[in-house]
Amino acid sequence: MTPARPLALAALLSASLAWPAAAHHGWGGYESGQEMTLTGTVQQIAFNNPHAMLNLQADGKLWHVVLAPPSRMSTRGLPADSIKPGQTVTVVGYPAKSDPAELRAERITAADKTIELR
């Protein structure tokens, strides 16, 4: 093996590990200048990595809301059991450019607590 091969292999491995993280944190798919506030009823919640998510019935439609990573939500005062289906919550965030029923939440108010998610 030539000396360049281990270096090339290391570079390839580093690039392949970094790609999912770069793709994951691309928020360019959301309208950052169009803040929205939705108040509605939680239909379903998933407290999974990389982001917690919930389906919210609000304004006559079902919204898919992308929240913060579960560890951040717990650290800031909203652990997994603090939001349940049937509960009323308010989310403030930005709508997705490609999906008219998706919102990236910046803030959530649930159980009389308002939590900044970003």
PDB file of N, CA and C in Angstrom:
ATOM      1  N   MET A   1       0.846  -1.171   0.000  1.00  0.00           N
ATOM      2  CA  MET A   1       0.000   0.000   0.000  1.00  0.00           C
ATOM      3  C   MET A   1       0.895   1.238   0.000  1.00  0.00           C
ATOM      4  N   THR A   2       0.598   2.155  -0.889  1.00  0.00           N
ATOM      5  CA  THR A   2       1.375   3.388  -0.946  1.00  0.00           C
ATOM      6  C   THR A   2       0.967   4.288   0.218  1.00  0.00           C
ATOM      7  N   PRO A   3       1.854   5.220   0.613  1.00  0.00           N
ATOM      8  CA  PRO A   3       1.531   6.113   1.735  1.00  0.00           C
ATOM      9  C   PRO A   3       0.281   6.957   1.493  1.00  0.00           C
ATOM     10  N   ALA A   4      -0.065   7.200   0.248  1.00  0.00           N
ATOM     11  CA  ALA A   4      -1.226   8.050  -0.042  1.00  0.00           C
ATOM     12  C   ALA A   4      -2.545   7.326   0.225  1.00  0.00           C
ATOM     13  N   ARG A   5      -2.561   6.004   0.125  1.00  0.00           N
ATOM     14  CA  ARG A   5      -3.820   5.259   0.301  1.00  0.00           C
ATOM     15  C   ARG A   5      -4.410   5.391   1.699  1.00  0.00           C
ATOM     16  N   PRO A   6      -3.618   5.203   2.775  1.00  0.00           N
ATOM     17  CA  PRO A   6      -4.230   5.378   4.108  1.00  0.00           C
ATOM     18  C   PRO A   6      -4.787   6.781   4.314  1.00  0.00           C
ATOM     19  N   LEU A   7      -4.084   7.760   3.757  1.00  0.00           N
ATOM     20  CA  LEU A   7      -4.550   9.144   3.887  1.00  0.00           C
ATOM     21  C   LEU A   7      -5.854   9.345   3.112  1.00  0.00           C
ATOM     22  N   ALA A   8      -5.917   8.782   1.917  1.00  0.00           N
ATOM     23  CA  ALA A   8      -7.136   8.899   1.106  1.00  0.00           C
ATOM     24  C   ALA A   8      -8.292   8.177   1.784  1.00  0.00           C
ATOM     25  N   LEU A   9      -8.011   7.013   2.364  1.00  0.00           N
ATOM     26  CA  LEU A   9      -9.047   6.263   3.074  1.00  0.00           C
ATOM     27  C   LEU A   9      -9.565   7.040   4.283  1.00  0.00           C
ATOM     28  N   ALA A  10      -8.661   7.654   5.026  1.00  0.00           N
ATOM     29  CA  ALA A  10      -9.057   8.446   6.188  1.00  0.00           C
ATOM     30  C   ALA A  10      -9.915   9.632   5.757  1.00  0.00           C
ATOM     31  N   ALA A  11      -9.553  10.281   4.653  1.00  0.00           N
ATOM     32  CA  ALA A  11     -10.330  11.422   4.154  1.00  0.00           C
ATOM     33  C   ALA A  11     -11.722  10.974   3.729  1.00  0.00           C
ATOM     34  N   LEU A  12     -11.805   9.836   3.047  1.00  0.00           N
ATOM     35  CA  LEU A  12     -13.096   9.301   2.608  1.00  0.00           C
ATOM     36  C   LEU A  12     -13.976   8.948   3.805  1.00  0.00           C
ATOM     37  N   LEU A  13     -13.391   8.316   4.808  1.00  0.00           N
ATOM     38  CA  LEU A  13     -14.141   7.949   6.005  1.00  0.00           C
ATOM     39  C   LEU A  13     -14.650   9.202   6.729  1.00  0.00           C
ATOM     40  N   SER A  14     -13.798  10.202   6.846  1.00  0.00           N
ATOM     41  CA  SER A  14     -14.212  11.456   7.499  1.00  0.00           C
ATOM     42  C   SER A  14     -15.348  12.115   6.739  1.00  0.00           C
ATOM     43  N   ALA A  15     -15.253  12.133   5.429  1.00  0.00           N
ATOM     44  CA  ALA A  15     -16.300  12.765   4.614  1.00  0.00           C
ATOM     45  C   ALA A  15     -17.612  12.004   4.744  1.00  0.00           C
ATOM     46  N   SER A  16     -17.551  10.678   4.770  1.00  0.00           N
ATOM     47  CA  SER A  16     -18.796   9.906   4.863  1.00  0.00           C
ATOM     48  C   SER A  16     -19.452  10.071   6.227  1.00  0.00           C
ATOM     49  N   LEU A  17     -18.675  10.278   7.281  1.00  0.00           N
ATOM     50  CA  LEU A  17     -19.258  10.501   8.601  1.00  0.00           C
ATOM     51  C   LEU A  17     -19.835  11.895   8.736  1.00  0.00           C
ATOM     52  N   ALA A  18     -19.252  12.863   8.077  1.00  0.00           N
ATOM     53  CA  ALA A  18     -19.714  14.245   8.186  1.00  0.00           C
ATOM     54  C   ALA A  18     -20.943  14.508   7.334  1.00  0.00           C
ATOM     55  N   TRP A  19     -21.152  13.775   6.252  1.00  0.00           N
ATOM     56  CA  TRP A  19     -22.252  14.049   5.339  1.00  0.00           C
ATOM     57  C   TRP A  19     -23.633  13.987   6.006  1.00  0.00           C
ATOM     58  N   PRO A  20     -23.981  12.944   6.789  1.00  0.00           N
ATOM     59  CA  PRO A  20     -25.310  12.938   7.404  1.00  0.00           C
ATOM     60  C   PRO A  20     -25.535  14.131   8.323  1.00  0.00           C
ATOM     61  N   ALA A  21     -24.507  14.545   9.052  1.00  0.00           N
ATOM     62  CA  ALA A  21     -24.661  15.693   9.942  1.00  0.00           C
ATOM     63  C   ALA A  21     -24.908  16.955   9.140  1.00  0.00           C
ATOM     64  N   ALA A  22     -24.170  17.141   8.053  1.00  0.00           N
ATOM     65  CA  ALA A  22     -24.361  18.335   7.233  1.00  0.00           C
ATOM     66  C   ALA A  22     -25.755  18.339   6.620  1.00  0.00           C
ATOM     67  N   ALA A  23     -26.208  17.198   6.125  1.00  0.00           N
ATOM     68  CA  ALA A  23     -27.535  17.124   5.517  1.00  0.00           C
ATOM     69  C   ALA A  23     -28.618  17.338   6.562  1.00  0.00           C
ATOM     70  N   HIS A  24     -28.403  16.800   7.748  1.00  0.00           N
ATOM     71  CA  HIS A  24     -29.402  16.897   8.792  1.00  0.00           C
ATOM     72  C   HIS A  24     -29.638  18.343   9.237  1.00  0.00           C
ATOM     73  N   HIS A  25     -28.585  19.150   9.347  1.00  0.00           N
ATOM     74  CA  HIS A  25     -28.740  20.487   9.876  1.00  0.00           C
ATOM     75  C   HIS A  25     -28.929  21.555   8.826  1.00  0.00           C
ATOM     76  N   GLY A  26     -29.303  21.168   7.644  1.00  0.00           N
ATOM     77  CA  GLY A  26     -29.614  22.153   6.623  1.00  0.00           C
ATOM     78  C   GLY A  26     -31.042  22.660   6.822  1.00  0.00           C
ATOM     79  N   TRP A  27     -31.190  23.874   7.312  1.00  0.00           N
ATOM     80  CA  TRP A  27     -32.514  24.427   7.553  1.00  0.00           C
ATOM     81  C   TRP A  27     -32.976  25.288   6.388  1.00  0.00           C
ATOM     82  N   GLY A  28     -32.268  25.204   5.259  1.00  0.00           N
ATOM     83  CA  GLY A  28     -32.620  25.997   4.091  1.00  0.00           C
ATOM     84  C   GLY A  28     -33.967  25.634   3.495  1.00  0.00           C
ATOM     85  N   GLY A  29     -34.544  24.537   3.899  1.00  0.00           N
ATOM     86  CA  GLY A  29     -35.836  24.116   3.367  1.00  0.00           C
ATOM     87  C   GLY A  29     -37.021  24.774   4.055  1.00  0.00           C
ATOM     88  N   TYR A  30     -36.745  25.742   4.926  1.00  0.00           N
ATOM     89  CA  TYR A  30     -37.827  26.418   5.656  1.00  0.00           C
ATOM     90  C   TYR A  30     -37.820  27.909   5.357  1.00  0.00           C
ATOM     91  N   GLU A  31     -38.985  28.528   5.386  1.00  0.00           N
ATOM     92  CA  GLU A  31     -39.152  29.963   5.109  1.00  0.00           C
ATOM     93  C   GLU A  31     -38.806  30.754   6.370  1.00  0.00           C
ATOM     94  N   SER A  32     -37.543  31.075   6.559  1.00  0.00           N
ATOM     95  CA  SER A  32     -37.093  31.716   7.803  1.00  0.00           C
ATOM     96  C   SER A  32     -37.639  33.134   7.991  1.00  0.00           C
ATOM     97  N   GLY A  33     -38.186  33.739   6.962  1.00  0.00           N
ATOM     98  CA  GLY A  33     -38.761  35.071   7.100  1.00  0.00           C
ATOM     99  C   GLY A  33     -40.265  35.059   7.305  1.00  0.00           C
ATOM    100  N   GLN A  34     -40.846  33.875   7.439  1.00  0.00           N
ATOM    101  CA  GLN A  34     -42.310  33.766   7.538  1.00  0.00           C
ATOM    102  C   GLN A  34     -42.690  33.051   8.833  1.00  0.00           C
ATOM    103  N   GLU A  35     -42.513  33.718   9.954  1.00  0.00           N
ATOM    104  CA  GLU A  35     -42.821  33.104  11.249  1.00  0.00           C
ATOM    105  C   GLU A  35     -44.325  32.866  11.385  1.00  0.00           C
ATOM    106  N   MET A  36     -44.677  31.706  11.918  1.00  0.00           N
ATOM    107  CA  MET A  36     -46.084  31.345  12.114  1.00  0.00           C
ATOM    108  C   MET A  36     -46.301  30.913  13.558  1.00  0.00           C
ATOM    109  N   THR A  37     -47.503  31.121  14.057  1.00  0.00           N
ATOM    110  CA  THR A  37     -47.896  30.637  15.378  1.00  0.00           C
ATOM    111  C   THR A  37     -49.112  29.740  15.193  1.00  0.00           C
ATOM    112  N   LEU A  38     -49.022  28.532  15.705  1.00  0.00           N
ATOM    113  CA  LEU A  38     -50.126  27.576  15.628  1.00  0.00           C
ATOM    114  C   LEU A  38     -50.487  27.115  17.024  1.00  0.00           C
ATOM    115  N   THR A  39     -51.753  27.135  17.329  1.00  0.00           N
ATOM    116  CA  THR A  39     -52.256  26.549  18.574  1.00  0.00           C
ATOM    117  C   THR A  39     -53.216  25.441  18.183  1.00  0.00           C
ATOM    118  N   GLY A  40     -52.998  24.258  18.739  1.00  0.00           N
ATOM    119  CA  GLY A  40     -53.847  23.147  18.373  1.00  0.00           C
ATOM    120  C   GLY A  40     -53.702  21.979  19.313  1.00  0.00           C
ATOM    121  N   THR A  41     -54.274  20.869  18.873  1.00  0.00           N
ATOM    122  CA  THR A  41     -54.301  19.648  19.673  1.00  0.00           C
ATOM    123  C   THR A  41     -53.278  18.656  19.143  1.00  0.00           C
ATOM    124  N   VAL A  42     -52.451  18.147  20.046  1.00  0.00           N
ATOM    125  CA  VAL A  42     -51.458  17.141  19.684  1.00  0.00           C
ATOM    126  C   VAL A  42     -52.180  15.844  19.324  1.00  0.00           C
ATOM    127  N   GLN A  43     -51.911  15.360  18.118  1.00  0.00           N
ATOM    128  CA  GLN A  43     -52.487  14.091  17.673  1.00  0.00           C
ATOM    129  C   GLN A  43     -51.539  12.932  17.954  1.00  0.00           C
ATOM    130  N   GLN A  44     -50.240  13.221  17.831  1.00  0.00           N
ATOM    131  CA  GLN A  44     -49.225  12.171  17.990  1.00  0.00           C
ATOM    132  C   GLN A  44     -47.902  12.855  18.287  1.00  0.00           C
ATOM    133  N   ILE A  45     -47.072  12.232  19.107  1.00  0.00           N
ATOM    134  CA  ILE A  45     -45.739  12.770  19.372  1.00  0.00           C
ATOM    135  C   ILE A  45     -44.725  11.641  19.336  1.00  0.00           C
ATOM    136  N   ALA A  46     -43.557  11.932  18.789  1.00  0.00           N
ATOM    137  CA  ALA A  46     -42.443  10.975  18.758  1.00  0.00           C
ATOM    138  C   ALA A  46     -41.241  11.682  19.364  1.00  0.00           C
ATOM    139  N   PHE A  47     -40.757  11.156  20.441  1.00  0.00           N
ATOM    140  CA  PHE A  47     -39.628  11.757  21.154  1.00  0.00           C
ATOM    141  C   PHE A  47     -38.365  10.988  20.780  1.00  0.00           C
ATOM    142  N   ASN A  48     -37.988  11.054  19.503  1.00  0.00           N
ATOM    143  CA  ASN A  48     -36.862  10.277  18.987  1.00  0.00           C
ATOM    144  C   ASN A  48     -35.803  11.193  18.402  1.00  0.00           C
ATOM    145  N   ASN A  49     -34.566  10.687  18.322  1.00  0.00           N
ATOM    146  CA  ASN A  49     -33.489  11.408  17.652  1.00  0.00           C
ATOM    147  C   ASN A  49     -33.631  11.288  16.149  1.00  0.00           C
ATOM    148  N   PRO A  50     -33.200  12.215  15.351  1.00  0.00           N
ATOM    149  CA  PRO A  50     -32.452  13.385  15.787  1.00  0.00           C
ATOM    150  C   PRO A  50     -33.329  14.520  16.316  1.00  0.00           C
ATOM    151  N   HIS A  51     -34.654  14.478  16.054  1.00  0.00           N
ATOM    152  CA  HIS A  51     -35.547  15.525  16.543  1.00  0.00           C
ATOM    153  C   HIS A  51     -36.855  14.907  17.017  1.00  0.00           C
ATOM    154  N   ALA A  52     -37.380  15.442  18.098  1.00  0.00           N
ATOM    155  CA  ALA A  52     -38.741  15.088  18.480  1.00  0.00           C
ATOM    156  C   ALA A  52     -39.670  15.699  17.432  1.00  0.00           C
ATOM    157  N   MET A  53     -40.808  15.069  17.221  1.00  0.00           N
ATOM    158  CA  MET A  53     -41.767  15.561  16.238  1.00  0.00           C
ATOM    159  C   MET A  53     -43.159  15.336  16.781  1.00  0.00           C
ATOM    160  N   LEU A  54     -44.066  16.176  16.336  1.00  0.00           N
ATOM    161  CA  LEU A  54     -45.453  15.947  16.700  1.00  0.00           C
ATOM    162  C   LEU A  54     -46.359  16.290  15.544  1.00  0.00           C
ATOM    163  N   ASN A  55     -47.521  15.662  15.537  1.00  0.00           N
ATOM    164  CA  ASN A  55     -48.576  16.017  14.592  1.00  0.00           C
ATOM    165  C   ASN A  55     -49.587  16.834  15.363  1.00  0.00           C
ATOM    166  N   LEU A  56     -49.909  18.001  14.825  1.00  0.00           N
ATOM    167  CA  LEU A  56     -50.745  18.976  15.501  1.00  0.00           C
ATOM    168  C   LEU A  56     -51.942  19.332  14.621  1.00  0.00           C
ATOM    169  N   GLN A  57     -53.129  19.167  15.178  1.00  0.00           N
ATOM    170  CA  GLN A  57     -54.335  19.593  14.473  1.00  0.00           C
ATOM    171  C   GLN A  57     -54.559  21.069  14.798  1.00  0.00           C
ATOM    172  N   ALA A  58     -54.385  21.920  13.799  1.00  0.00           N
ATOM    173  CA  ALA A  58     -54.506  23.370  14.023  1.00  0.00           C
ATOM    174  C   ALA A  58     -54.927  24.044  12.724  1.00  0.00           C
ATOM    175  N   ASP A  59     -55.706  25.079  12.841  1.00  0.00           N
ATOM    176  CA  ASP A  59     -56.154  25.856  11.679  1.00  0.00           C
ATOM    177  C   ASP A  59     -56.788  24.988  10.598  1.00  0.00           C
ATOM    178  N   GLY A  60     -57.515  23.959  11.009  1.00  0.00           N
ATOM    179  CA  GLY A  60     -58.249  23.135  10.059  1.00  0.00           C
ATOM    180  C   GLY A  60     -57.419  22.111   9.309  1.00  0.00           C
ATOM    181  N   LYS A  61     -56.151  21.918   9.710  1.00  0.00           N
ATOM    182  CA  LYS A  61     -55.376  20.871   9.043  1.00  0.00           C
ATOM    183  C   LYS A  61     -54.396  20.221  10.006  1.00  0.00           C
ATOM    184  N   LEU A  62     -53.853  19.112   9.576  1.00  0.00           N
ATOM    185  CA  LEU A  62     -52.884  18.379  10.390  1.00  0.00           C
ATOM    186  C   LEU A  62     -51.480  18.830  10.004  1.00  0.00           C
ATOM    187  N   TRP A  63     -50.771  19.409  10.959  1.00  0.00           N
ATOM    188  CA  TRP A  63     -49.408  19.900  10.756  1.00  0.00           C
ATOM    189  C   TRP A  63     -48.420  18.887  11.299  1.00  0.00           C
ATOM    190  N   HIS A  64     -47.317  18.729  10.591  1.00  0.00           N
ATOM    191  CA  HIS A  64     -46.182  17.940  11.065  1.00  0.00           C
ATOM    192  C   HIS A  64     -45.166  18.952  11.602  1.00  0.00           C
ATOM    193  N   VAL A  65     -44.885  18.907  12.897  1.00  0.00           N
ATOM    194  CA  VAL A  65     -44.032  19.902  13.544  1.00  0.00           C
ATOM    195  C   VAL A  65     -42.712  19.253  13.956  1.00  0.00           C
ATOM    196  N   VAL A  66     -41.614  19.824  13.469  1.00  0.00           N
ATOM    197  CA  VAL A  66     -40.267  19.356  13.813  1.00  0.00           C
ATOM    198  C   VAL A  66     -39.805  20.149  15.033  1.00  0.00           C
ATOM    199  N   LEU A  67     -39.484  19.424  16.103  1.00  0.00           N
ATOM    200  CA  LEU A  67     -39.068  20.054  17.360  1.00  0.00           C
ATOM    201  C   LEU A  67     -37.545  19.931  17.512  1.00  0.00           C
ATOM    202  N   ALA A  68     -37.049  20.166  18.700  1.00  0.00           N
ATOM    203  CA  ALA A  68     -35.613  20.064  18.987  1.00  0.00           C
ATOM    204  C   ALA A  68     -35.241  18.606  19.274  1.00  0.00           C
ATOM    205  N   PRO A  69     -33.960  18.317  19.360  1.00  0.00           N
ATOM    206  CA  PRO A  69     -33.549  16.969  19.790  1.00  0.00           C
ATOM    207  C   PRO A  69     -34.101  16.684  21.192  1.00  0.00           C
ATOM    208  N   PRO A  70     -34.456  15.440  21.475  1.00  0.00           N
ATOM    209  CA  PRO A  70     -35.024  15.108  22.787  1.00  0.00           C
ATOM    210  C   PRO A  70     -34.166  15.558  23.969  1.00  0.00           C
ATOM    211  N   SER A  71     -32.848  15.444  23.850  1.00  0.00           N
ATOM    212  CA  SER A  71     -31.981  15.839  24.970  1.00  0.00           C
ATOM    213  C   SER A  71     -32.105  17.336  25.262  1.00  0.00           C
ATOM    214  N   ARG A  72     -32.204  18.157  24.222  1.00  0.00           N
ATOM    215  CA  ARG A  72     -32.356  19.602  24.423  1.00  0.00           C
ATOM    216  C   ARG A  72     -33.711  19.919  25.041  1.00  0.00           C
ATOM    217  N   MET A  73     -34.754  19.248  24.576  1.00  0.00           N
ATOM    218  CA  MET A  73     -36.083  19.510  25.131  1.00  0.00           C
ATOM    219  C   MET A  73     -36.123  19.136  26.613  1.00  0.00           C
ATOM    220  N   SER A  74     -35.510  18.016  26.958  1.00  0.00           N
ATOM    221  CA  SER A  74     -35.480  17.598  28.364  1.00  0.00           C
ATOM    222  C   SER A  74     -34.676  18.577  29.203  1.00  0.00           C
ATOM    223  N   THR A  75     -33.521  18.975  28.698  1.00  0.00           N
ATOM    224  CA  THR A  75     -32.660  19.901  29.428  1.00  0.00           C
ATOM    225  C   THR A  75     -33.355  21.235  29.684  1.00  0.00           C
ATOM    226  N   ARG A  76     -34.177  21.653  28.728  1.00  0.00           N
ATOM    227  CA  ARG A  76     -34.851  22.948  28.855  1.00  0.00           C
ATOM    228  C   ARG A  76     -36.208  22.866  29.544  1.00  0.00           C
ATOM    229  N   GLY A  77     -36.583  21.671  30.013  1.00  0.00           N
ATOM    230  CA  GLY A  77     -37.772  21.578  30.841  1.00  0.00           C
ATOM    231  C   GLY A  77     -38.973  20.871  30.248  1.00  0.00           C
ATOM    232  N   LEU A  78     -38.817  20.227  29.089  1.00  0.00           N
ATOM    233  CA  LEU A  78     -39.921  19.467  28.508  1.00  0.00           C
ATOM    234  C   LEU A  78     -39.475  18.024  28.256  1.00  0.00           C
ATOM    235  N   PRO A  79     -39.448  17.188  29.292  1.00  0.00           N
ATOM    236  CA  PRO A  79     -39.069  15.788  29.080  1.00  0.00           C
ATOM    237  C   PRO A  79     -40.136  15.032  28.286  1.00  0.00           C
ATOM    238  N   ALA A  80     -39.831  13.816  27.929  1.00  0.00           N
ATOM    239  CA  ALA A  80     -40.676  13.028  27.024  1.00  0.00           C
ATOM    240  C   ALA A  80     -42.123  12.925  27.467  1.00  0.00           C
ATOM    241  N   ASP A  81     -42.382  12.818  28.732  1.00  0.00           N
ATOM    242  CA  ASP A  81     -43.760  12.609  29.186  1.00  0.00           C
ATOM    243  C   ASP A  81     -44.536  13.915  29.402  1.00  0.00           C
ATOM    244  N   SER A  82     -43.972  15.046  29.032  1.00  0.00           N
ATOM    245  CA  SER A  82     -44.640  16.324  29.293  1.00  0.00           C
ATOM    246  C   SER A  82     -45.609  16.734  28.187  1.00  0.00           C
ATOM    247  N   ILE A  83     -45.555  16.104  27.038  1.00  0.00           N
ATOM    248  CA  ILE A  83     -46.495  16.388  25.949  1.00  0.00           C
ATOM    249  C   ILE A  83     -47.170  15.072  25.576  1.00  0.00           C
ATOM    250  N   LYS A  84     -48.510  15.105  25.553  1.00  0.00           N
ATOM    251  CA  LYS A  84     -49.269  13.883  25.274  1.00  0.00           C
ATOM    252  C   LYS A  84     -50.346  14.161  24.222  1.00  0.00           C
ATOM    253  N   PRO A  85     -50.745  13.146  23.483  1.00  0.00           N
ATOM    254  CA  PRO A  85     -51.854  13.318  22.550  1.00  0.00           C
ATOM    255  C   PRO A  85     -53.094  13.841  23.282  1.00  0.00           C
ATOM    256  N   GLY A  86     -53.795  14.750  22.642  1.00  0.00           N
ATOM    257  CA  GLY A  86     -54.978  15.375  23.228  1.00  0.00           C
ATOM    258  C   GLY A  86     -54.685  16.700  23.916  1.00  0.00           C
ATOM    259  N   GLN A  87     -53.426  16.958  24.189  1.00  0.00           N
ATOM    260  CA  GLN A  87     -53.012  18.186  24.870  1.00  0.00           C
ATOM    261  C   GLN A  87     -52.988  19.356  23.880  1.00  0.00           C
ATOM    262  N   THR A  88     -53.313  20.539  24.363  1.00  0.00           N
ATOM    263  CA  THR A  88     -53.227  21.747  23.549  1.00  0.00           C
ATOM    264  C   THR A  88     -51.839  22.363  23.727  1.00  0.00           C
ATOM    265  N   VAL A  89     -51.184  22.666  22.612  1.00  0.00           N
ATOM    266  CA  VAL A  89     -49.878  23.321  22.635  1.00  0.00           C
ATOM    267  C   VAL A  89     -49.877  24.453  21.610  1.00  0.00           C
ATOM    268  N   THR A  90     -48.957  25.371  21.799  1.00  0.00           N
ATOM    269  CA  THR A  90     -48.725  26.435  20.826  1.00  0.00           C
ATOM    270  C   THR A  90     -47.281  26.330  20.354  1.00  0.00           C
ATOM    271  N   VAL A  91     -47.090  26.361  19.056  1.00  0.00           N
ATOM    272  CA  VAL A  91     -45.743  26.342  18.487  1.00  0.00           C
ATOM    273  C   VAL A  91     -45.562  27.582  17.620  1.00  0.00           C
ATOM    274  N   VAL A  92     -44.356  28.125  17.669  1.00  0.00           N
ATOM    275  CA  VAL A  92     -43.968  29.246  16.815  1.00  0.00           C
ATOM    276  C   VAL A  92     -42.802  28.753  15.975  1.00  0.00           C
ATOM    277  N   GLY A  93     -42.882  28.939  14.669  1.00  0.00           N
ATOM    278  CA  GLY A  93     -41.806  28.437  13.819  1.00  0.00           C
ATOM    279  C   GLY A  93     -41.959  28.869  12.389  1.00  0.00           C
ATOM    280  N   TYR A  94     -41.289  28.127  11.518  1.00  0.00           N
ATOM    281  CA  TYR A  94     -41.221  28.476  10.100  1.00  0.00           C
ATOM    282  C   TYR A  94     -41.753  27.333   9.246  1.00  0.00           C
ATOM    283  N   PRO A  95     -42.585  27.641   8.259  1.00  0.00           N
ATOM    284  CA  PRO A  95     -43.133  26.589   7.401  1.00  0.00           C
ATOM    285  C   PRO A  95     -42.082  26.068   6.421  1.00  0.00           C
ATOM    286  N   ALA A  96     -42.238  24.812   6.054  1.00  0.00           N
ATOM    287  CA  ALA A  96     -41.351  24.202   5.058  1.00  0.00           C
ATOM    288  C   ALA A  96     -41.670  24.771   3.681  1.00  0.00           C
ATOM    289  N   LYS A  97     -40.641  24.917   2.874  1.00  0.00           N
ATOM    290  CA  LYS A  97     -40.829  25.414   1.512  1.00  0.00           C
ATOM    291  C   LYS A  97     -41.506  24.365   0.629  1.00  0.00           C
ATOM    292  N   SER A  98     -41.226  23.084   0.883  1.00  0.00           N
ATOM    293  CA  SER A  98     -41.726  22.041  -0.008  1.00  0.00           C
ATOM    294  C   SER A  98     -42.958  21.307   0.513  1.00  0.00           C
ATOM    295  N   ASP A  99     -43.293  21.485   1.789  1.00  0.00           N
ATOM    296  CA  ASP A  99     -44.440  20.782   2.362  1.00  0.00           C
ATOM    297  C   ASP A  99     -45.316  21.802   3.098  1.00  0.00           C
ATOM    298  N   PRO A 100     -46.468  22.130   2.562  1.00  0.00           N
ATOM    299  CA  PRO A 100     -47.319  23.158   3.173  1.00  0.00           C
ATOM    300  C   PRO A 100     -47.900  22.773   4.526  1.00  0.00           C
ATOM    301  N   ALA A 101     -47.666  21.543   4.979  1.00  0.00           N
ATOM    302  CA  ALA A 101     -48.181  21.105   6.279  1.00  0.00           C
ATOM    303  C   ALA A 101     -47.056  20.793   7.266  1.00  0.00           C
ATOM    304  N   GLU A 102     -45.856  21.313   7.008  1.00  0.00           N
ATOM    305  CA  GLU A 102     -44.732  21.063   7.921  1.00  0.00           C
ATOM    306  C   GLU A 102     -44.219  22.385   8.474  1.00  0.00           C
ATOM    307  N   LEU A 103     -43.888  22.364   9.763  1.00  0.00           N
ATOM    308  CA  LEU A 103     -43.387  23.557  10.448  1.00  0.00           C
ATOM    309  C   LEU A 103     -42.170  23.175  11.273  1.00  0.00           C
ATOM    310  N   ARG A 104     -41.114  23.970  11.202  1.00  0.00           N
ATOM    311  CA  ARG A 104     -39.949  23.799  12.086  1.00  0.00           C
ATOM    312  C   ARG A 104     -40.153  24.718  13.268  1.00  0.00           C
ATOM    313  N   ALA A 105     -40.330  24.155  14.451  1.00  0.00           N
ATOM    314  CA  ALA A 105     -40.661  24.951  15.633  1.00  0.00           C
ATOM    315  C   ALA A 105     -39.419  25.587  16.246  1.00  0.00           C
ATOM    316  N   GLU A 106     -39.537  26.842  16.568  1.00  0.00           N
ATOM    317  CA  GLU A 106     -38.497  27.578  17.293  1.00  0.00           C
ATOM    318  C   GLU A 106     -38.820  27.642  18.781  1.00  0.00           C
ATOM    319  N   ARG A 107     -40.105  27.561  19.093  1.00  0.00           N
ATOM    320  CA  ARG A 107     -40.560  27.722  20.479  1.00  0.00           C
ATOM    321  C   ARG A 107     -41.849  26.918  20.630  1.00  0.00           C
ATOM    322  N   ILE A 108     -42.035  26.351  21.810  1.00  0.00           N
ATOM    323  CA  ILE A 108     -43.274  25.622  22.088  1.00  0.00           C
ATOM    324  C   ILE A 108     -43.767  25.998  23.479  1.00  0.00           C
ATOM    325  N   THR A 109     -45.065  26.140  23.590  1.00  0.00           N
ATOM    326  CA  THR A 109     -45.699  26.356  24.891  1.00  0.00           C
ATOM    327  C   THR A 109     -46.586  25.146  25.152  1.00  0.00           C
ATOM    328  N   ALA A 110     -46.255  24.446  26.230  1.00  0.00           N
ATOM    329  CA  ALA A 110     -47.006  23.250  26.625  1.00  0.00           C
ATOM    330  C   ALA A 110     -47.007  23.184  28.137  1.00  0.00           C
ATOM    331  N   ALA A 111     -48.130  22.824  28.683  1.00  0.00           N
ATOM    332  CA  ALA A 111     -48.265  22.692  30.137  1.00  0.00           C
ATOM    333  C   ALA A 111     -47.787  23.961  30.848  1.00  0.00           C
ATOM    334  N   ASP A 112     -48.206  25.113  30.325  1.00  0.00           N
ATOM    335  CA  ASP A 112     -47.880  26.423  30.909  1.00  0.00           C
ATOM    336  C   ASP A 112     -46.388  26.752  30.922  1.00  0.00           C
ATOM    337  N   LYS A 113     -45.593  26.054  30.113  1.00  0.00           N
ATOM    338  CA  LYS A 113     -44.165  26.367  29.980  1.00  0.00           C
ATOM    339  C   LYS A 113     -43.884  26.745  28.535  1.00  0.00           C
ATOM    340  N   THR A 114     -43.111  27.798  28.350  1.00  0.00           N
ATOM    341  CA  THR A 114     -42.652  28.155  27.009  1.00  0.00           C
ATOM    342  C   THR A 114     -41.166  27.841  26.931  1.00  0.00           C
ATOM    343  N   ILE A 115     -40.810  27.030  25.947  1.00  0.00           N
ATOM    344  CA  ILE A 115     -39.442  26.551  25.808  1.00  0.00           C
ATOM    345  C   ILE A 115     -38.883  27.003  24.457  1.00  0.00           C
ATOM    346  N   GLU A 116     -37.721  27.644  24.497  1.00  0.00           N
ATOM    347  CA  GLU A 116     -36.999  27.992  23.272  1.00  0.00           C
ATOM    348  C   GLU A 116     -36.282  26.727  22.809  1.00  0.00           C
ATOM    349  N   LEU A 117     -36.460  26.371  21.553  1.00  0.00           N
ATOM    350  CA  LEU A 117     -35.923  25.105  21.059  1.00  0.00           C
ATOM    351  C   LEU A 117     -34.605  25.230  20.315  1.00  0.00           C
ATOM    352  N   ARG A 118     -34.252  26.410  19.843  1.00  0.00           N
ATOM    353  CA  ARG A 118     -33.015  26.536  19.053  1.00  0.00           C
ATOM    354  C   ARG A 118     -31.947  27.254  19.825  1.00  0.00           C
TER     355      ARG A 118
END
